[in-house]
Protein backbone atom coordinates (compact mmCIF):
# COMPACT_ATOMS: atom_id res chain seq x y z
CA MET A 1 20.58 -3.73 6.44
CA LYS A 2 18.17 -1.01 7.69
CA LYS A 3 14.73 -1.96 9.03
CA ARG A 4 12.56 -3.72 6.31
CA VAL A 5 8.77 -3.00 7.09
CA THR A 6 8.24 0.06 9.27
CA GLY A 7 4.45 -0.01 9.26
CA ILE A 8 1.25 -0.34 7.28
CA GLY A 9 1.04 1.87 4.24
CA GLY A 10 -2.37 0.88 3.01
CA LEU A 11 -5.03 -1.55 2.90
CA PHE A 12 -6.58 -2.15 -0.50
CA PHE A 13 -9.55 -4.37 -1.34
CA LYS A 14 -12.06 -5.27 -4.14
CA SER A 15 -15.62 -3.78 -3.98
CA LYS A 16 -18.66 -4.31 -6.05
CA ASP A 17 -19.26 -0.52 -5.78
CA PRO A 18 -16.29 1.34 -4.57
CA LYS A 19 -18.18 4.65 -4.34
CA ALA A 20 -20.89 3.07 -2.20
CA ALA A 21 -18.16 1.50 0.00
CA LYS A 22 -16.53 5.04 0.48
CA ASP A 23 -20.00 6.56 1.13
CA TRP A 24 -20.81 3.85 3.69
CA TYR A 25 -17.59 4.27 5.56
CA LYS A 26 -17.92 7.89 5.57
CA LYS A 27 -21.41 7.87 6.91
CA HIS A 28 -21.17 5.14 9.44
CA LEU A 29 -17.53 5.14 10.55
CA GLY A 30 -16.53 8.79 9.82
CA PHE A 31 -13.96 8.16 7.26
CA ASN A 32 -12.82 11.33 5.44
CA THR A 33 -13.14 9.85 1.88
CA ASP A 34 -12.06 11.30 -1.39
CA ASP A 35 -11.83 9.82 -4.93
CA TYR A 36 -9.02 7.34 -3.79
CA GLY A 37 -10.60 6.28 -0.40
CA CYS A 38 -9.37 7.75 2.91
CA THR A 39 -5.89 8.86 4.04
CA PHE A 40 -5.19 8.32 7.73
CA LYS A 41 -2.59 10.91 9.12
CA TRP A 42 -0.57 9.78 12.05
CA LYS A 43 2.87 10.36 13.68
CA ASP A 44 5.60 7.84 14.05
CA THR A 45 7.53 7.33 17.31
CA GLU A 46 9.97 10.07 16.29
CA GLY A 47 7.10 12.60 15.68
CA LYS A 48 7.33 12.51 11.89
CA ASP A 49 4.10 13.06 10.01
CA CYS A 50 2.97 9.91 8.23
CA THR A 51 0.00 8.51 6.33
CA THR A 52 -1.83 5.27 5.81
CA GLN A 53 -4.10 4.75 2.71
CA TRP A 54 -7.47 2.84 2.70
CA SER A 55 -8.91 2.27 -0.63
CA PRO A 56 -11.67 0.26 -2.21
CA PHE A 57 -10.95 -0.89 -5.90
CA PRO A 58 -13.31 -2.07 -8.53
CA GLU A 59 -14.11 -5.74 -8.52
CA ASP A 60 -12.47 -6.14 -11.88
CA THR A 61 -9.18 -4.46 -11.10
CA LYS A 62 -6.07 -5.96 -12.44
CA TYR A 63 -3.78 -4.14 -10.02
CA TYR A 64 -3.35 -7.06 -7.68
CA GLU A 65 -2.35 -9.61 -10.18
CA PRO A 66 -0.89 -12.06 -10.41
CA SER A 67 -2.58 -12.58 -7.03
CA LYS A 68 -6.12 -13.97 -7.19
CA LYS A 69 -6.99 -12.41 -3.82
CA ASP A 70 -9.56 -9.61 -3.39
CA PHE A 71 -7.17 -7.58 -1.25
CA MET A 72 -3.62 -6.24 -1.20
CA PHE A 73 -1.57 -4.93 1.79
CA ASN A 74 0.90 -2.05 1.30
CA TYR A 75 3.79 -1.90 3.67
CA ARG A 76 5.95 1.12 4.53
CA VAL A 77 9.48 0.33 3.99
CA GLU A 78 13.06 1.94 4.30
CA ASN A 79 15.47 1.92 1.29
CA LEU A 80 13.29 0.07 -1.24
CA VAL A 81 16.04 -0.44 -3.71
CA GLU A 82 18.27 -2.26 -1.21
CA LEU A 83 15.29 -4.28 0.21
CA LEU A 84 14.21 -5.44 -3.28
CA ALA A 85 17.82 -6.58 -3.96
CA THR A 86 17.99 -8.38 -0.70
CA LEU A 87 14.58 -10.11 -1.28
CA LYS A 88 15.50 -11.14 -4.45
CA GLU A 89 18.74 -12.73 -3.20
CA GLU A 90 16.51 -14.52 -0.63
CA GLY A 91 14.45 -15.98 -3.40
CA VAL A 92 11.33 -13.89 -3.09
CA THR A 93 9.40 -13.30 -6.34
CA ILE A 94 9.53 -9.65 -7.44
CA VAL A 95 6.63 -8.55 -9.51
CA GLY A 96 7.31 -5.84 -12.24
CA GLU A 97 9.74 -2.98 -11.93
CA MET A 98 10.11 -0.43 -9.14
CA GLU A 99 8.16 2.84 -9.72
CA GLU A 100 8.85 6.34 -8.49
CA TYR A 101 6.37 9.11 -7.88
CA GLU A 102 6.18 12.41 -5.97
CA TYR A 103 4.94 10.57 -2.81
CA GLY A 104 7.50 7.63 -2.85
CA LYS A 105 9.00 4.54 -4.45
CA PHE A 106 6.84 1.47 -4.98
CA GLY A 107 7.86 -2.15 -5.52
CA TRP A 108 5.78 -5.40 -5.52
CA ILE A 109 6.59 -9.08 -4.28
CA LEU A 110 4.60 -12.32 -3.80
CA ASP A 111 4.47 -13.73 -0.51
CA ASN A 112 4.43 -17.43 0.27
CA ASP A 113 0.67 -17.75 -0.48
CA GLY A 114 1.09 -15.97 -3.75
CA ASN A 115 -0.52 -12.65 -2.40
CA LYS A 116 0.74 -9.60 -4.16
CA ILE A 117 2.38 -7.25 -1.51
CA GLU A 118 3.11 -3.50 -2.36
CA LEU A 119 6.19 -2.19 -0.70
CA TRP A 120 6.31 1.69 -0.39
CA GLU A 121 9.15 3.86 0.48
CA PRO A 122 7.10 6.85 1.48
CA ILE A 123 7.32 10.56 0.94
CA ASP A 124 4.32 11.60 3.03
CA GLN A 125 4.35 15.49 2.48
CA PRO A 126 1.97 15.30 -0.61
CA PHE A 127 -0.70 13.81 1.55
CA LEU A 128 -0.46 15.98 4.56
């Protein structure tokens, strides 16, 4: 089995006013925000270009369900298909079906506290 989690892919949280949150972070902390939040660019230990996403979501978002929390972590992973199969064998709750986009594959699980976790096998190039 390859590595499982290789880093943090994103931090997502509920906000009463996502636009105001993005504006505040831009003004006070220098975040380079856009419609989705802020994409942080960095290099891994092998010098590969990578990204991590920071995004406020509307308070009434259903994206984190079935979790009742106001946040969701996104972790970067290797070989999502294999990892989801292994996690299922280990008794981890898989949420929904894997989805694939130009920037990578996504899958969702619940941790031991019922928090929804997004797993991302990234293709960083669209963000760079």
